[in-house]
Protein backbone atom coordinates (compact mmCIF):
# COMPACT_ATOMS: atom_id res chain seq x y z
CA UNK A 1 -0.09 0.16 -0.14
CA UNK A 2 1.37 3.40 -1.15
CA UNK A 3 -0.05 6.13 -0.49
CA UNK A 4 1.46 9.93 -2.42
CA UNK A 5 1.16 13.60 -1.76
CA UNK A 6 2.93 16.20 -3.21
CA UNK A 7 6.32 16.00 -0.59
CA UNK A 8 6.49 12.70 0.53
CA UNK A 9 4.77 9.39 0.24
CA UNK A 10 3.78 6.69 2.31
CA UNK A 11 4.35 2.76 2.28
CA UNK A 12 3.56 -0.03 4.77
CA UNK A 13 7.08 -1.09 6.34
CA UNK A 14 8.44 -4.34 5.50
CA UNK A 15 11.94 -6.21 6.73
CA UNK A 16 13.12 -5.17 3.89
CA UNK A 17 13.63 -1.42 5.71
CA UNK A 18 15.63 -2.76 8.37
CA UNK A 19 18.93 -1.28 7.91
CA UNK A 20 17.58 2.06 6.87
CA UNK A 21 15.25 2.47 9.71
CA UNK A 22 17.47 1.39 11.99
CA UNK A 23 19.49 3.95 10.57
CA UNK A 24 16.64 6.42 10.77
CA UNK A 25 16.75 5.18 14.11
CA UNK A 26 19.91 4.84 15.28
CA UNK A 27 20.86 8.48 13.86
CA UNK A 28 18.31 10.39 15.84
CA UNK A 29 18.67 8.53 19.01
CA UNK A 30 19.59 12.20 20.73
CA UNK A 31 16.74 13.65 19.25
CA UNK A 32 13.98 11.44 19.83
CA UNK A 33 14.76 10.83 23.07
CA UNK A 34 12.78 13.27 25.00
CA UNK A 35 9.94 12.69 23.57
CA UNK A 36 9.69 8.52 23.41
CA UNK A 37 9.82 5.71 26.08
CA UNK A 38 12.78 4.75 27.62
CA UNK A 39 15.45 2.59 25.09
CA UNK A 40 18.50 0.59 25.55
CA UNK A 41 21.27 -0.06 23.44
CA UNK A 42 19.17 -3.36 22.40
CA UNK A 43 16.35 -1.58 20.65
CA UNK A 44 19.28 0.27 18.26
CA UNK A 45 20.27 -3.58 17.06
CA UNK A 46 19.32 -5.03 13.93
CA UNK A 47 17.65 -8.07 15.19
CA UNK A 48 15.32 -6.03 17.83
CA UNK A 49 14.52 -3.35 14.69
CA UNK A 50 14.09 -6.52 12.10
CA UNK A 51 11.54 -8.00 15.24
CA UNK A 52 9.65 -5.07 15.40
CA UNK A 53 9.39 -4.74 11.52
CA UNK A 54 8.05 -8.55 12.00
CA UNK A 55 5.49 -7.12 15.21
CA UNK A 56 4.21 -4.17 12.75
CA UNK A 57 3.90 -6.54 8.98
CA UNK A 58 1.18 -8.58 11.50
CA UNK A 59 -0.35 -6.45 13.05
CA UNK A 60 -0.89 -4.77 8.95
CA UNK A 61 -1.74 -7.90 8.18
CA UNK A 62 -4.47 -8.27 11.18
CA UNK A 63 -5.74 -4.20 11.28
CA UNK A 64 -4.46 -3.93 15.06
CA UNK A 65 -2.24 -1.14 13.70
CA UNK A 66 -0.64 0.40 9.88
CA UNK A 67 3.19 1.24 10.33
CA UNK A 68 3.96 3.79 7.21
CA UNK A 69 7.62 4.82 6.47
CA UNK A 70 7.32 8.52 5.40
CA UNK A 71 9.90 8.21 2.20
CA UNK A 72 10.53 11.87 0.65
CA UNK A 73 9.36 12.03 -3.45
CA UNK A 74 12.43 13.15 -4.28
CA UNK A 75 15.07 10.23 -3.92
CA UNK A 76 13.52 7.73 -1.95
CA UNK A 77 15.27 8.14 1.55
CA UNK A 78 13.35 7.57 4.91
CA UNK A 79 12.33 10.83 6.17
CA UNK A 80 10.47 9.28 9.18
CA UNK A 81 7.50 6.78 10.50
CA UNK A 82 3.91 7.10 11.08
CA UNK A 83 1.66 5.18 13.18
CA UNK A 84 -1.90 3.95 13.28
CA UNK A 85 -2.56 2.41 16.28
CA UNK A 86 -5.00 0.81 19.22
CA UNK A 87 -7.28 0.36 16.31
CA UNK A 88 -10.47 -0.10 17.33
CA UNK A 89 -13.57 -1.29 15.38
CA UNK A 90 -17.27 -1.29 16.67
CA UNK A 91 -19.00 1.76 17.87
CA UNK A 92 -16.01 3.52 17.87
CA UNK A 93 -13.90 2.86 14.40
CA UNK A 94 -10.99 5.15 16.72
CA UNK A 95 -7.14 4.73 16.27
CA UNK A 96 -4.43 6.64 17.58
CA UNK A 97 -1.31 8.25 15.84
CA UNK A 98 2.14 8.66 16.22
CA UNK A 99 5.09 9.84 14.42
CA UNK A 100 8.79 11.31 14.17
CA UNK A 101 10.26 12.97 11.55
CA UNK A 102 14.25 12.90 10.95
CA UNK A 103 15.76 15.87 12.80
CA UNK A 104 17.15 16.59 9.80
CA UNK A 105 14.40 16.86 8.05
CA UNK A 106 12.23 19.06 9.78
CA UNK A 107 10.58 21.96 9.05
CA UNK A 108 9.78 21.25 5.62
CA UNK A 109 5.75 20.21 5.97
CA UNK A 110 6.87 16.39 6.32
CA UNK A 111 4.87 15.55 8.91
CA UNK A 112 2.38 17.34 7.82
CA UNK A 113 1.65 16.28 5.06
CA UNK A 114 2.55 12.38 6.42
CA UNK A 115 0.00 13.18 8.98
CA UNK A 116 -3.19 14.30 6.50
CA UNK A 117 -2.02 11.55 3.96
CA UNK A 118 -2.75 8.91 7.11
CA UNK A 119 -6.02 10.16 8.01
CA UNK A 120 -7.14 9.63 3.99
CA UNK A 121 -5.82 6.24 4.36
CA UNK A 122 -7.57 5.50 7.77
CA UNK A 123 -10.41 7.57 6.67
CA UNK A 124 -10.89 5.72 3.12
CA UNK A 125 -9.04 2.31 2.90
CA UNK A 126 -9.24 1.19 7.03
CA UNK A 127 -12.60 2.57 7.94
CA UNK A 128 -11.90 4.65 10.28
CA UNK A 129 -14.22 7.39 11.37
CA UNK A 130 -11.89 9.26 14.23
CA UNK A 131 -8.36 9.03 14.69
CA UNK A 132 -6.60 10.78 18.21
CA UNK A 133 -3.04 11.82 18.96
CA UNK A 134 -1.68 12.80 22.36
CA UNK A 135 1.38 15.27 22.45
CA UNK A 136 3.35 16.21 25.26
CA UNK A 137 2.48 20.26 26.21
CA UNK A 138 6.20 21.26 25.17
CA UNK A 139 6.63 19.57 21.76
CA UNK A 140 5.28 23.07 20.24
CA UNK A 141 6.63 21.05 16.55
CA UNK A 142 4.65 18.30 17.19
CA UNK A 143 1.85 20.16 17.93
CA UNK A 144 2.08 22.30 14.89
CA UNK A 145 1.79 19.56 12.86
CA UNK A 146 -1.12 18.64 14.27
CA UNK A 147 -3.09 21.82 14.06
CA UNK A 148 -1.78 22.39 10.66
CA UNK A 149 -2.95 18.94 9.49
CA UNK A 150 -6.76 20.06 10.69
CA UNK A 151 -6.64 18.45 14.06
CA UNK A 152 -8.22 19.92 17.50
CA UNK A 153 -7.20 20.04 20.90
CA UNK A 154 -9.66 18.24 23.01
CA UNK A 155 -8.20 18.34 26.31
CA UNK A 156 -5.35 17.45 28.70
CA UNK A 157 -4.32 14.22 30.32
CA UNK A 158 -2.27 14.66 32.82
CA UNK A 159 0.96 12.58 33.86
CA UNK A 160 -0.72 10.15 30.42
CA UNK A 161 2.51 8.31 29.21
CA UNK A 162 6.02 8.09 30.96
CA UNK A 163 8.46 9.59 28.25
CA UNK A 164 12.11 9.43 28.66
CA UNK A 165 11.48 8.00 31.66
CA UNK A 166 9.05 10.69 33.51
CA UNK A 167 5.24 10.64 33.30
CA UNK A 168 3.86 13.32 30.99
CA UNK A 169 0.96 15.90 30.56
CA UNK A 170 0.11 15.41 27.11
CA UNK A 171 -2.83 17.19 24.89
CA UNK A 172 -5.28 15.32 22.94
CA UNK A 173 -6.30 15.81 19.73
CA UNK A 174 -8.53 14.65 17.22
CA UNK A 175 -10.13 14.29 13.96
CA UNK A 176 -12.79 12.31 12.28
CA UNK A 177 -13.86 11.89 8.79
CA UNK A 178 -16.82 14.32 8.24
CA UNK A 179 -14.00 16.61 9.16
CA UNK A 180 -11.84 15.87 6.59
């Protein structure tokens, strides 16, 4: 599955992406650290990344999550990752979205376009009604991405996720299919 935009395209990740994904994660380790759960050196091995991608492929097939690489249209370099996770069906038809873009490729509109593209996939191909995101209250870049992509702030969740070893407050954002 591929979803095309003007700046980037999304493609579901496979084990063939192991080396490029590991390189992206490794070169951005310090950059991503303040925004992610604690990681160990073991998390940055080829074997660990391959297992992560195998799990993502299994979850893609079962429809409980969808993991996409964000790739530059000019040159096909992997610029980041975006993932729809914790998908619930039935009366909710909801998913969480999480994303990151290579620190060297920030402020180019890649994150905003990737978020719009994954919402297009969510609402047309995955038959979801709602996509939501949690963002740390001091993550101004990610807040800007969400708002530019049309997400609305719905509230504040105190001590929502344990990020970099600390329970952090998050703003909750969402968008629904009828808003796109």
